């Protein structure tokens, strides 16, 4: 009862749901220019090793690079084409006659969406 928020939902259940929701996401690793440590960013603005505050400009630049790498992975992955006869062909070309196309390295639209939200 004491864990209910203003909408009537249980805060503990929502926290567990958030954990499940982001379980397949690649964590953002923040690099500390002071001690050269790379650690999982958990919304704290201080390095967990040397406790120096991260530069906002540095975090922004690092995040831009990570987003670019995820987007690059999505657009450069091979496509798997399933032909009418059931054969699967790996290609970079999209054929209009193909019924099903999927990414070879699991970097599909859902994966990219999960990484970017």
PDB file of N, CA and C in Angstrom:
ATOM      1  N   UNK A   1       0.821  -1.190   0.000  1.00  0.00           N
ATOM      2  CA  UNK A   1       0.000   0.000   0.000  1.00  0.00           C
ATOM      3  C   UNK A   1       0.866   1.255   0.000  1.00  0.00           C
ATOM      4  N   UNK A   2       1.934   1.288   0.822  1.00  0.00           N
ATOM      5  CA  UNK A   2       2.774   2.476   0.916  1.00  0.00           C
ATOM      6  C   UNK A   2       3.689   2.640  -0.299  1.00  0.00           C
ATOM      7  N   UNK A   3       3.722   1.660  -1.211  1.00  0.00           N
ATOM      8  CA  UNK A   3       4.555   1.745  -2.404  1.00  0.00           C
ATOM      9  C   UNK A   3       3.758   2.157  -3.640  1.00  0.00           C
ATOM     10  N   UNK A   4       2.561   2.677  -3.452  1.00  0.00           N
ATOM     11  CA  UNK A   4       1.749   3.066  -4.601  1.00  0.00           C
ATOM     12  C   UNK A   4       2.032   4.506  -4.972  1.00  0.00           C
ATOM     13  N   UNK A   5       2.091   4.765  -6.262  1.00  0.00           N
ATOM     14  CA  UNK A   5       2.275   6.142  -6.705  1.00  0.00           C
ATOM     15  C   UNK A   5       0.910   6.781  -6.941  1.00  0.00           C
ATOM     16  N   UNK A   6       0.875   8.011  -7.425  1.00  0.00           N
ATOM     17  CA  UNK A   6      -0.380   8.740  -7.588  1.00  0.00           C
ATOM     18  C   UNK A   6      -1.313   8.142  -8.624  1.00  0.00           C
ATOM     19  N   UNK A   7      -0.802   7.267  -9.496  1.00  0.00           N
ATOM     20  CA  UNK A   7      -1.668   6.643 -10.499  1.00  0.00           C
ATOM     21  C   UNK A   7      -2.257   5.339  -9.990  1.00  0.00           C
ATOM     22  N   UNK A   8      -1.859   4.926  -8.786  1.00  0.00           N
ATOM     23  CA  UNK A   8      -2.389   3.691  -8.232  1.00  0.00           C
ATOM     24  C   UNK A   8      -1.556   2.476  -8.568  1.00  0.00           C
ATOM     25  N   UNK A   9      -0.474   2.638  -9.343  1.00  0.00           N
ATOM     26  CA  UNK A   9       0.391   1.521  -9.687  1.00  0.00           C
ATOM     27  C   UNK A   9       1.410   1.257  -8.597  1.00  0.00           C
ATOM     28  N   UNK A  10       1.980   0.078  -8.612  1.00  0.00           N
ATOM     29  CA  UNK A  10       2.979  -0.290  -7.627  1.00  0.00           C
ATOM     30  C   UNK A  10       4.351   0.124  -8.137  1.00  0.00           C
ATOM     31  N   UNK A  11       5.074   0.941  -7.374  1.00  0.00           N
ATOM     32  CA  UNK A  11       6.376   1.449  -7.802  1.00  0.00           C
ATOM     33  C   UNK A  11       7.402   0.331  -7.948  1.00  0.00           C
ATOM     34  N   UNK A  12       7.343  -0.691  -7.079  1.00  0.00           N
ATOM     35  CA  UNK A  12       8.274  -1.805  -7.177  1.00  0.00           C
ATOM     36  C   UNK A  12       8.071  -2.558  -8.493  1.00  0.00           C
ATOM     37  N   UNK A  13       6.816  -2.825  -8.842  1.00  0.00           N
ATOM     38  CA  UNK A  13       6.521  -3.524 -10.098  1.00  0.00           C
ATOM     39  C   UNK A  13       6.990  -2.709 -11.296  1.00  0.00           C
ATOM     40  N   UNK A  14       6.818  -1.392 -11.243  1.00  0.00           N
ATOM     41  CA  UNK A  14       7.257  -0.548 -12.350  1.00  0.00           C
ATOM     42  C   UNK A  14       8.772  -0.562 -12.486  1.00  0.00           C
ATOM     43  N   UNK A  15       9.499  -0.597 -11.360  1.00  0.00           N
ATOM     44  CA  UNK A  15      10.959  -0.664 -11.404  1.00  0.00           C
ATOM     45  C   UNK A  15      11.416  -1.979 -12.025  1.00  0.00           C
ATOM     46  N   UNK A  16      10.768  -3.079 -11.664  1.00  0.00           N
ATOM     47  CA  UNK A  16      11.101  -4.384 -12.238  1.00  0.00           C
ATOM     48  C   UNK A  16      10.790  -4.378 -13.727  1.00  0.00           C
ATOM     49  N   UNK A  17       9.664  -3.794 -14.114  1.00  0.00           N
ATOM     50  CA  UNK A  17       9.311  -3.722 -15.528  1.00  0.00           C
ATOM     51  C   UNK A  17      10.333  -2.909 -16.306  1.00  0.00           C
ATOM     52  N   UNK A  18      10.846  -1.831 -15.725  1.00  0.00           N
ATOM     53  CA  UNK A  18      11.883  -1.040 -16.391  1.00  0.00           C
ATOM     54  C   UNK A  18      13.157  -1.853 -16.558  1.00  0.00           C
ATOM     55  N   UNK A  19      13.508  -2.660 -15.550  1.00  0.00           N
ATOM     56  CA  UNK A  19      14.676  -3.520 -15.664  1.00  0.00           C
ATOM     57  C   UNK A  19      14.512  -4.489 -16.825  1.00  0.00           C
ATOM     58  N   UNK A  20      13.344  -5.103 -16.923  1.00  0.00           N
ATOM     59  CA  UNK A  20      13.072  -6.034 -18.023  1.00  0.00           C
ATOM     60  C   UNK A  20      13.045  -5.302 -19.359  1.00  0.00           C
ATOM     61  N   UNK A  21      12.480  -4.111 -19.367  1.00  0.00           N
ATOM     62  CA  UNK A  21      12.348  -3.333 -20.595  1.00  0.00           C
ATOM     63  C   UNK A  21      13.707  -3.009 -21.208  1.00  0.00           C
ATOM     64  N   UNK A  22      14.684  -2.708 -20.355  1.00  0.00           N
ATOM     65  CA  UNK A  22      15.997  -2.306 -20.853  1.00  0.00           C
ATOM     66  C   UNK A  22      17.061  -3.393 -20.711  1.00  0.00           C
ATOM     67  N   UNK A  23      16.648  -4.623 -20.430  1.00  0.00           N
ATOM     68  CA  UNK A  23      17.600  -5.719 -20.222  1.00  0.00           C
ATOM     69  C   UNK A  23      18.426  -6.016 -21.468  1.00  0.00           C
ATOM     70  N   UNK A  24      17.861  -5.864 -22.645  1.00  0.00           N
ATOM     71  CA  UNK A  24      18.587  -6.192 -23.872  1.00  0.00           C
ATOM     72  C   UNK A  24      19.358  -5.005 -24.450  1.00  0.00           C
ATOM     73  N   UNK A  25      19.332  -3.871 -23.768  1.00  0.00           N
ATOM     74  CA  UNK A  25      20.049  -2.686 -24.250  1.00  0.00           C
ATOM     75  C   UNK A  25      21.526  -2.750 -23.871  1.00  0.00           C
ATOM     76  N   UNK A  26      22.340  -2.240 -24.745  1.00  0.00           N
ATOM     77  CA  UNK A  26      23.763  -2.138 -24.472  1.00  0.00           C
ATOM     78  C   UNK A  26      23.965  -0.956 -23.528  1.00  0.00           C
ATOM     79  N   UNK A  27      24.631  -1.156 -22.389  1.00  0.00           N
ATOM     80  CA  UNK A  27      24.798  -0.038 -21.456  1.00  0.00           C
ATOM     81  C   UNK A  27      25.738   1.029 -22.013  1.00  0.00           C
ATOM     82  N   UNK A  28      25.489   2.265 -21.636  1.00  0.00           N
ATOM     83  CA  UNK A  28      26.343   3.383 -22.030  1.00  0.00           C
ATOM     84  C   UNK A  28      27.525   3.421 -21.066  1.00  0.00           C
ATOM     85  N   UNK A  29      28.740   3.309 -21.605  1.00  0.00           N
ATOM     86  CA  UNK A  29      29.944   3.351 -20.793  1.00  0.00           C
ATOM     87  C   UNK A  29      30.549   4.747 -20.880  1.00  0.00           C
ATOM     88  N   UNK A  30      30.658   5.412 -19.747  1.00  0.00           N
ATOM     89  CA  UNK A  30      31.216   6.758 -19.696  1.00  0.00           C
ATOM     90  C   UNK A  30      32.712   6.664 -19.416  1.00  0.00           C
ATOM     91  N   UNK A  31      33.484   7.447 -20.152  1.00  0.00           N
ATOM     92  CA  UNK A  31      34.935   7.480 -20.008  1.00  0.00           C
ATOM     93  C   UNK A  31      35.322   8.699 -19.181  1.00  0.00           C
ATOM     94  N   UNK A  32      36.131   8.481 -18.140  1.00  0.00           N
ATOM     95  CA  UNK A  32      36.606   9.577 -17.290  1.00  0.00           C
ATOM     96  C   UNK A  32      37.966  10.034 -17.801  1.00  0.00           C
ATOM     97  N   UNK A  33      38.057  11.284 -18.189  1.00  0.00           N
ATOM     98  CA  UNK A  33      39.325  11.805 -18.706  1.00  0.00           C
ATOM     99  C   UNK A  33      40.347  12.016 -17.598  1.00  0.00           C
ATOM    100  N   UNK A  34      39.906  12.033 -16.357  1.00  0.00           N
ATOM    101  CA  UNK A  34      40.819  12.236 -15.228  1.00  0.00           C
ATOM    102  C   UNK A  34      41.593  10.964 -14.885  1.00  0.00           C
ATOM    103  N   UNK A  35      40.882   9.857 -14.653  1.00  0.00           N
ATOM    104  CA  UNK A  35      41.545   8.608 -14.233  1.00  0.00           C
ATOM    105  C   UNK A  35      41.578   7.552 -15.343  1.00  0.00           C
ATOM    106  N   UNK A  36      41.050   7.872 -16.515  1.00  0.00           N
ATOM    107  CA  UNK A  36      41.031   6.973 -17.688  1.00  0.00           C
ATOM    108  C   UNK A  36      40.180   5.731 -17.459  1.00  0.00           C
ATOM    109  N   UNK A  37      39.245   5.793 -16.521  1.00  0.00           N
ATOM    110  CA  UNK A  37      38.357   4.677 -16.216  1.00  0.00           C
ATOM    111  C   UNK A  37      37.123   4.738 -17.110  1.00  0.00           C
ATOM    112  N   UNK A  38      36.648   3.573 -17.526  1.00  0.00           N
ATOM    113  CA  UNK A  38      35.409   3.475 -18.289  1.00  0.00           C
ATOM    114  C   UNK A  38      34.439   2.653 -17.458  1.00  0.00           C
ATOM    115  N   UNK A  39      33.284   3.235 -17.158  1.00  0.00           N
ATOM    116  CA  UNK A  39      32.320   2.533 -16.309  1.00  0.00           C
ATOM    117  C   UNK A  39      30.901   2.775 -16.808  1.00  0.00           C
ATOM    118  N   UNK A  40      30.015   1.880 -16.412  1.00  0.00           N
ATOM    119  CA  UNK A  40      28.606   1.983 -16.798  1.00  0.00           C
ATOM    120  C   UNK A  40      28.024   3.274 -16.221  1.00  0.00           C
ATOM    121  N   UNK A  41      27.418   4.055 -17.080  1.00  0.00           N
ATOM    122  CA  UNK A  41      26.832   5.324 -16.659  1.00  0.00           C
ATOM    123  C   UNK A  41      25.474   5.045 -16.037  1.00  0.00           C
ATOM    124  N   UNK A  42      25.297   5.471 -14.787  1.00  0.00           N
ATOM    125  CA  UNK A  42      24.047   5.213 -14.081  1.00  0.00           C
ATOM    126  C   UNK A  42      23.368   6.497 -13.627  1.00  0.00           C
ATOM    127  N   UNK A  43      23.522   7.534 -14.380  1.00  0.00           N
ATOM    128  CA  UNK A  43      22.940   8.867 -14.159  1.00  0.00           C
ATOM    129  C   UNK A  43      23.668   9.670 -13.094  1.00  0.00           C
ATOM    130  N   UNK A  44      24.703   9.112 -12.466  1.00  0.00           N
ATOM    131  CA  UNK A  44      25.520   9.889 -11.530  1.00  0.00           C
ATOM    132  C   UNK A  44      26.525  10.684 -12.357  1.00  0.00           C
ATOM    133  N   UNK A  45      26.701  11.926 -12.033  1.00  0.00           N
ATOM    134  CA  UNK A  45      27.598  12.764 -12.824  1.00  0.00           C
ATOM    135  C   UNK A  45      29.041  12.733 -12.325  1.00  0.00           C
ATOM    136  N   UNK A  46      29.356  11.783 -11.433  1.00  0.00           N
ATOM    137  CA  UNK A  46      30.716  11.632 -10.933  1.00  0.00           C
ATOM    138  C   UNK A  46      31.263  10.264 -11.304  1.00  0.00           C
ATOM    139  N   UNK A  47      32.557  10.217 -11.582  1.00  0.00           N
ATOM    140  CA  UNK A  47      33.231   8.956 -11.876  1.00  0.00           C
ATOM    141  C   UNK A  47      33.222   8.091 -10.608  1.00  0.00           C
ATOM    142  N   UNK A  48      32.853   6.802 -10.705  1.00  0.00           N
ATOM    143  CA  UNK A  48      32.819   5.951  -9.512  1.00  0.00           C
ATOM    144  C   UNK A  48      34.211   5.600  -8.983  1.00  0.00           C
ATOM    145  N   UNK A  49      35.246   5.828  -9.776  1.00  0.00           N
ATOM    146  CA  UNK A  49      36.595   5.486  -9.336  1.00  0.00           C
ATOM    147  C   UNK A  49      37.303   6.675  -8.667  1.00  0.00           C
ATOM    148  N   UNK A  50      37.325   7.834  -9.338  1.00  0.00           N
ATOM    149  CA  UNK A  50      38.055   8.985  -8.789  1.00  0.00           C
ATOM    150  C   UNK A  50      37.117  10.067  -8.241  1.00  0.00           C
ATOM    151  N   UNK A  51      35.811   9.914  -8.447  1.00  0.00           N
ATOM    152  CA  UNK A  51      34.763  10.821  -7.950  1.00  0.00           C
ATOM    153  C   UNK A  51      34.821  12.220  -8.558  1.00  0.00           C
ATOM    154  N   UNK A  52      35.578  12.388  -9.630  1.00  0.00           N
ATOM    155  CA  UNK A  52      35.598  13.673 -10.326  1.00  0.00           C
ATOM    156  C   UNK A  52      34.334  13.785 -11.173  1.00  0.00           C
ATOM    157  N   UNK A  53      33.790  14.971 -11.248  1.00  0.00           N
ATOM    158  CA  UNK A  53      32.568  15.186 -12.009  1.00  0.00           C
ATOM    159  C   UNK A  53      32.854  15.085 -13.508  1.00  0.00           C
ATOM    160  N   UNK A  54      31.983  14.345 -14.214  1.00  0.00           N
ATOM    161  CA  UNK A  54      32.102  14.246 -15.662  1.00  0.00           C
ATOM    162  C   UNK A  54      31.781  15.600 -16.288  1.00  0.00           C
ATOM    163  N   UNK A  55      32.443  15.907 -17.368  1.00  0.00           N
ATOM    164  CA  UNK A  55      32.120  17.104 -18.131  1.00  0.00           C
ATOM    165  C   UNK A  55      30.867  16.806 -18.960  1.00  0.00           C
ATOM    166  N   UNK A  56      29.909  17.709 -18.940  1.00  0.00           N
ATOM    167  CA  UNK A  56      28.682  17.513 -19.716  1.00  0.00           C
ATOM    168  C   UNK A  56      29.013  17.444 -21.204  1.00  0.00           C
ATOM    169  N   UNK A  57      29.949  18.274 -21.652  1.00  0.00           N
ATOM    170  CA  UNK A  57      30.351  18.258 -23.069  1.00  0.00           C
ATOM    171  C   UNK A  57      30.981  16.913 -23.433  1.00  0.00           C
ATOM    172  N   UNK A  58      31.780  16.364 -22.529  1.00  0.00           N
ATOM    173  CA  UNK A  58      32.404  15.065 -22.777  1.00  0.00           C
ATOM    174  C   UNK A  58      31.355  13.962 -22.850  1.00  0.00           C
ATOM    175  N   UNK A  59      30.403  13.962 -21.920  1.00  0.00           N
ATOM    176  CA  UNK A  59      29.331  12.952 -21.945  1.00  0.00           C
ATOM    177  C   UNK A  59      28.512  13.063 -23.220  1.00  0.00           C
ATOM    178  N   UNK A  60      28.219  14.277 -23.643  1.00  0.00           N
ATOM    179  CA  UNK A  60      27.441  14.482 -24.863  1.00  0.00           C
ATOM    180  C   UNK A  60      28.193  13.952 -26.084  1.00  0.00           C
ATOM    181  N   UNK A  61      29.477  14.237 -26.161  1.00  0.00           N
ATOM    182  CA  UNK A  61      30.286  13.749 -27.287  1.00  0.00           C
ATOM    183  C   UNK A  61      30.351  12.220 -27.285  1.00  0.00           C
ATOM    184  N   UNK A  62      30.544  11.633 -26.096  1.00  0.00           N
ATOM    185  CA  UNK A  62      30.602  10.174 -25.997  1.00  0.00           C
ATOM    186  C   UNK A  62      29.281   9.541 -26.411  1.00  0.00           C
ATOM    187  N   UNK A  63      28.184  10.133 -25.974  1.00  0.00           N
ATOM    188  CA  UNK A  63      26.865   9.598 -26.319  1.00  0.00           C
ATOM    189  C   UNK A  63      26.602   9.704 -27.821  1.00  0.00           C
ATOM    190  N   UNK A  64      27.014  10.811 -28.424  1.00  0.00           N
ATOM    191  CA  UNK A  64      26.858  10.949 -29.890  1.00  0.00           C
ATOM    192  C   UNK A  64      27.622   9.859 -30.630  1.00  0.00           C
ATOM    193  N   UNK A  65      28.842   9.569 -30.188  1.00  0.00           N
ATOM    194  CA  UNK A  65      29.631   8.518 -30.837  1.00  0.00           C
ATOM    195  C   UNK A  65      28.968   7.151 -30.703  1.00  0.00           C
ATOM    196  N   UNK A  66      28.413   6.873 -29.535  1.00  0.00           N
ATOM    197  CA  UNK A  66      27.751   5.583 -29.312  1.00  0.00           C
ATOM    198  C   UNK A  66      26.510   5.467 -30.197  1.00  0.00           C
ATOM    199  N   UNK A  67      25.717   6.516 -30.263  1.00  0.00           N
ATOM    200  CA  UNK A  67      24.510   6.489 -31.105  1.00  0.00           C
ATOM    201  C   UNK A  67      24.905   6.307 -32.570  1.00  0.00           C
ATOM    202  N   UNK A  68      25.956   6.976 -33.004  1.00  0.00           N
ATOM    203  CA  UNK A  68      26.429   6.798 -34.387  1.00  0.00           C
ATOM    204  C   UNK A  68      26.878   5.365 -34.636  1.00  0.00           C
ATOM    205  N   UNK A  69      27.545   4.751 -33.651  1.00  0.00           N
ATOM    206  CA  UNK A  69      27.999   3.371 -33.846  1.00  0.00           C
ATOM    207  C   UNK A  69      26.817   2.411 -33.935  1.00  0.00           C
ATOM    208  N   UNK A  70      25.770   2.621 -33.115  1.00  0.00           N
ATOM    209  CA  UNK A  70      24.578   1.775 -33.193  1.00  0.00           C
ATOM    210  C   UNK A  70      23.882   1.945 -34.541  1.00  0.00           C
ATOM    211  N   UNK A  71      23.754   3.183 -34.993  1.00  0.00           N
ATOM    212  CA  UNK A  71      23.113   3.453 -36.275  1.00  0.00           C
ATOM    213  C   UNK A  71      23.934   2.838 -37.408  1.00  0.00           C
ATOM    214  N   UNK A  72      25.253   2.953 -37.326  1.00  0.00           N
ATOM    215  CA  UNK A  72      26.130   2.363 -38.329  1.00  0.00           C
ATOM    216  C   UNK A  72      25.985   0.843 -38.348  1.00  0.00           C
ATOM    217  N   UNK A  73      25.908   0.223 -37.176  1.00  0.00           N
ATOM    218  CA  UNK A  73      25.726  -1.229 -37.108  1.00  0.00           C
ATOM    219  C   UNK A  73      24.436  -1.644 -37.793  1.00  0.00           C
ATOM    220  N   UNK A  74      23.385  -0.874 -37.585  1.00  0.00           N
ATOM    221  CA  UNK A  74      22.094  -1.183 -38.199  1.00  0.00           C
ATOM    222  C   UNK A  74      22.180  -1.096 -39.726  1.00  0.00           C
ATOM    223  N   UNK A  75      22.748   0.002 -40.241  1.00  0.00           N
ATOM    224  CA  UNK A  75      22.752   0.217 -41.686  1.00  0.00           C
ATOM    225  C   UNK A  75      23.799  -0.601 -42.439  1.00  0.00           C
ATOM    226  N   UNK A  76      24.830  -1.094 -41.755  1.00  0.00           N
ATOM    227  CA  UNK A  76      25.862  -1.871 -42.448  1.00  0.00           C
ATOM    228  C   UNK A  76      25.697  -3.370 -42.279  1.00  0.00           C
ATOM    229  N   UNK A  77      24.689  -3.798 -41.544  1.00  0.00           N
ATOM    230  CA  UNK A  77      24.510  -5.237 -41.360  1.00  0.00           C
ATOM    231  C   UNK A  77      23.972  -5.880 -42.638  1.00  0.00           C
ATOM    232  N   UNK A  78      24.350  -7.131 -42.832  1.00  0.00           N
ATOM    233  CA  UNK A  78      23.862  -7.883 -43.988  1.00  0.00           C
ATOM    234  C   UNK A  78      22.385  -8.182 -43.823  1.00  0.00           C
ATOM    235  N   UNK A  79      21.722  -8.368 -44.944  1.00  0.00           N
ATOM    236  CA  UNK A  79      20.302  -8.714 -44.947  1.00  0.00           C
ATOM    237  C   UNK A  79      20.148 -10.193 -45.270  1.00  0.00           C
ATOM    238  N   UNK A  80      19.217 -10.848 -44.602  1.00  0.00           N
ATOM    239  CA  UNK A  80      18.892 -12.233 -44.896  1.00  0.00           C
ATOM    240  C   UNK A  80      17.579 -12.251 -45.659  1.00  0.00           C
ATOM    241  N   UNK A  81      17.619 -12.740 -46.895  1.00  0.00           N
ATOM    242  CA  UNK A  81      16.425 -12.812 -47.745  1.00  0.00           C
ATOM    243  C   UNK A  81      15.909 -14.246 -47.735  1.00  0.00           C
ATOM    244  N   UNK A  82      14.636 -14.388 -47.448  1.00  0.00           N
ATOM    245  CA  UNK A  82      14.034 -15.707 -47.530  1.00  0.00           C
ATOM    246  C   UNK A  82      13.271 -15.784 -48.843  1.00  0.00           C
ATOM    247  N   UNK A  83      13.721 -16.673 -49.735  1.00  0.00           N
ATOM    248  CA  UNK A  83      13.131 -16.824 -51.063  1.00  0.00           C
ATOM    249  C   UNK A  83      11.852 -17.657 -50.987  1.00  0.00           C
ATOM    250  N   UNK A  84      11.116 -17.667 -52.087  1.00  0.00           N
ATOM    251  CA  UNK A  84       9.867 -18.441 -52.153  1.00  0.00           C
ATOM    252  C   UNK A  84      10.088 -19.931 -51.931  1.00  0.00           C
ATOM    253  N   UNK A  85      11.263 -20.433 -52.356  1.00  0.00           N
ATOM    254  CA  UNK A  85      11.536 -21.863 -52.197  1.00  0.00           C
ATOM    255  C   UNK A  85      12.081 -22.215 -50.813  1.00  0.00           C
ATOM    256  N   UNK A  86      12.163 -21.227 -49.908  1.00  0.00           N
ATOM    257  CA  UNK A  86      12.624 -21.469 -48.542  1.00  0.00           C
ATOM    258  C   UNK A  86      14.109 -21.233 -48.330  1.00  0.00           C
ATOM    259  N   UNK A  87      14.842 -21.012 -49.416  1.00  0.00           N
ATOM    260  CA  UNK A  87      16.280 -20.770 -49.289  1.00  0.00           C
ATOM    261  C   UNK A  87      16.526 -19.388 -48.686  1.00  0.00           C
ATOM    262  N   UNK A  88      17.568 -19.282 -47.878  1.00  0.00           N
ATOM    263  CA  UNK A  88      17.939 -18.011 -47.255  1.00  0.00           C
ATOM    264  C   UNK A  88      19.227 -17.530 -47.904  1.00  0.00           C
ATOM    265  N   UNK A  89      19.210 -16.285 -48.382  1.00  0.00           N
ATOM    266  CA  UNK A  89      20.354 -15.700 -49.065  1.00  0.00           C
ATOM    267  C   UNK A  89      20.821 -14.478 -48.275  1.00  0.00           C
ATOM    268  N   UNK A  90      22.138 -14.399 -48.047  1.00  0.00           N
ATOM    269  CA  UNK A  90      22.724 -13.236 -47.378  1.00  0.00           C
ATOM    270  C   UNK A  90      23.142 -12.247 -48.459  1.00  0.00           C
ATOM    271  N   UNK A  91      22.705 -10.990 -48.293  1.00  0.00           N
ATOM    272  CA  UNK A  91      22.977 -10.000 -49.327  1.00  0.00           C
ATOM    273  C   UNK A  91      22.957  -8.600 -48.736  1.00  0.00           C
ATOM    274  N   UNK A  92      23.403  -7.637 -49.519  1.00  0.00           N
ATOM    275  CA  UNK A  92      23.291  -6.225 -49.158  1.00  0.00           C
ATOM    276  C   UNK A  92      22.206  -5.552 -49.999  1.00  0.00           C
ATOM    277  N   UNK A  93      21.700  -6.252 -50.996  1.00  0.00           N
ATOM    278  CA  UNK A  93      20.680  -5.699 -51.889  1.00  0.00           C
ATOM    279  C   UNK A  93      19.288  -6.087 -51.417  1.00  0.00           C
ATOM    280  N   UNK A  94      18.355  -5.188 -51.591  1.00  0.00           N
ATOM    281  CA  UNK A  94      16.971  -5.470 -51.244  1.00  0.00           C
ATOM    282  C   UNK A  94      16.209  -5.771 -52.527  1.00  0.00           C
ATOM    283  N   UNK A  95      15.666  -6.968 -52.596  1.00  0.00           N
ATOM    284  CA  UNK A  95      14.876  -7.367 -53.754  1.00  0.00           C
ATOM    285  C   UNK A  95      13.401  -7.136 -53.442  1.00  0.00           C
ATOM    286  N   UNK A  96      12.678  -6.562 -54.384  1.00  0.00           N
ATOM    287  CA  UNK A  96      11.268  -6.289 -54.159  1.00  0.00           C
ATOM    288  C   UNK A  96      10.415  -7.552 -54.156  1.00  0.00           C
ATOM    289  N   UNK A  97      10.945  -8.644 -54.691  1.00  0.00           N
ATOM    290  CA  UNK A  97      10.174  -9.883 -54.729  1.00  0.00           C
ATOM    291  C   UNK A  97      10.350 -10.723 -53.471  1.00  0.00           C
ATOM    292  N   UNK A  98      11.172 -10.296 -52.560  1.00  0.00           N
ATOM    293  CA  UNK A  98      11.431 -11.062 -51.343  1.00  0.00           C
ATOM    294  C   UNK A  98      10.302 -10.817 -50.352  1.00  0.00           C
ATOM    295  N   UNK A  99       9.809 -11.902 -49.752  1.00  0.00           N
ATOM    296  CA  UNK A  99       8.702 -11.803 -48.805  1.00  0.00           C
ATOM    297  C   UNK A  99       9.166 -11.369 -47.420  1.00  0.00           C
ATOM    298  N   UNK A 100      10.311 -11.856 -46.996  1.00  0.00           N
ATOM    299  CA  UNK A 100      10.775 -11.537 -45.656  1.00  0.00           C
ATOM    300  C   UNK A 100      12.245 -11.147 -45.710  1.00  0.00           C
ATOM    301  N   UNK A 101      12.556 -10.008 -45.109  1.00  0.00           N
ATOM    302  CA  UNK A 101      13.937  -9.549 -45.021  1.00  0.00           C
ATOM    303  C   UNK A 101      14.239  -9.303 -43.555  1.00  0.00           C
ATOM    304  N   UNK A 102      15.370  -9.800 -43.080  1.00  0.00           N
ATOM    305  CA  UNK A 102      15.776  -9.519 -41.705  1.00  0.00           C
ATOM    306  C   UNK A 102      17.278  -9.291 -41.672  1.00  0.00           C
ATOM    307  N   UNK A 103      17.729  -8.645 -40.627  1.00  0.00           N
ATOM    308  CA  UNK A 103      19.144  -8.331 -40.478  1.00  0.00           C
ATOM    309  C   UNK A 103      19.900  -9.570 -39.991  1.00  0.00           C
ATOM    310  N   UNK A 104      21.110  -9.778 -40.522  1.00  0.00           N
ATOM    311  CA  UNK A 104      21.893 -10.962 -40.187  1.00  0.00           C
ATOM    312  C   UNK A 104      22.451 -10.905 -38.774  1.00  0.00           C
ATOM    313  N   UNK A 105      22.754  -9.721 -38.253  1.00  0.00           N
ATOM    314  CA  UNK A 105      23.395  -9.634 -36.935  1.00  0.00           C
ATOM    315  C   UNK A 105      22.428  -9.177 -35.847  1.00  0.00           C
ATOM    316  N   UNK A 106      21.166  -9.422 -36.013  1.00  0.00           N
ATOM    317  CA  UNK A 106      20.125  -9.074 -35.044  1.00  0.00           C
ATOM    318  C   UNK A 106      19.979  -7.577 -34.823  1.00  0.00           C
ATOM    319  N   UNK A 107      20.577  -6.751 -35.665  1.00  0.00           N
ATOM    320  CA  UNK A 107      20.437  -5.303 -35.542  1.00  0.00           C
ATOM    321  C   UNK A 107      19.241  -4.859 -36.394  1.00  0.00           C
ATOM    322  N   UNK A 108      18.054  -5.300 -36.001  1.00  0.00           N
ATOM    323  CA  UNK A 108      16.859  -4.926 -36.745  1.00  0.00           C
ATOM    324  C   UNK A 108      16.286  -3.622 -36.192  1.00  0.00           C
ATOM    325  N   UNK A 109      15.131  -3.241 -36.702  1.00  0.00           N
ATOM    326  CA  UNK A 109      14.523  -1.983 -36.288  1.00  0.00           C
ATOM    327  C   UNK A 109      14.217  -1.961 -34.794  1.00  0.00           C
ATOM    328  N   UNK A 110      13.745  -3.073 -34.248  1.00  0.00           N
ATOM    329  CA  UNK A 110      13.451  -3.131 -32.812  1.00  0.00           C
ATOM    330  C   UNK A 110      14.709  -2.959 -31.976  1.00  0.00           C
ATOM    331  N   UNK A 111      15.815  -3.585 -32.407  1.00  0.00           N
ATOM    332  CA  UNK A 111      17.078  -3.449 -31.683  1.00  0.00           C
ATOM    333  C   UNK A 111      17.532  -1.991 -31.675  1.00  0.00           C
ATOM    334  N   UNK A 112      17.505  -1.343 -32.838  1.00  0.00           N
ATOM    335  CA  UNK A 112      17.937   0.051 -32.927  1.00  0.00           C
ATOM    336  C   UNK A 112      17.039   0.941 -32.085  1.00  0.00           C
ATOM    337  N   UNK A 113      15.736   0.711 -32.111  1.00  0.00           N
ATOM    338  CA  UNK A 113      14.804   1.500 -31.323  1.00  0.00           C
ATOM    339  C   UNK A 113      15.096   1.363 -29.831  1.00  0.00           C
ATOM    340  N   UNK A 114      15.373   0.129 -29.377  1.00  0.00           N
ATOM    341  CA  UNK A 114      15.678  -0.093 -27.959  1.00  0.00           C
ATOM    342  C   UNK A 114      16.948   0.634 -27.548  1.00  0.00           C
ATOM    343  N   UNK A 115      17.951   0.662 -28.422  1.00  0.00           N
ATOM    344  CA  UNK A 115      19.198   1.325 -28.075  1.00  0.00           C
ATOM    345  C   UNK A 115      19.024   2.841 -28.001  1.00  0.00           C
ATOM    346  N   UNK A 116      18.158   3.386 -28.817  1.00  0.00           N
ATOM    347  CA  UNK A 116      18.030   4.846 -28.908  1.00  0.00           C
ATOM    348  C   UNK A 116      17.004   5.447 -27.960  1.00  0.00           C
ATOM    349  N   UNK A 117      16.156   4.641 -27.304  1.00  0.00           N
ATOM    350  CA  UNK A 117      15.179   5.286 -26.440  1.00  0.00           C
ATOM    351  C   UNK A 117      15.691   5.612 -25.081  1.00  0.00           C
TER     352      UNK A 117
END
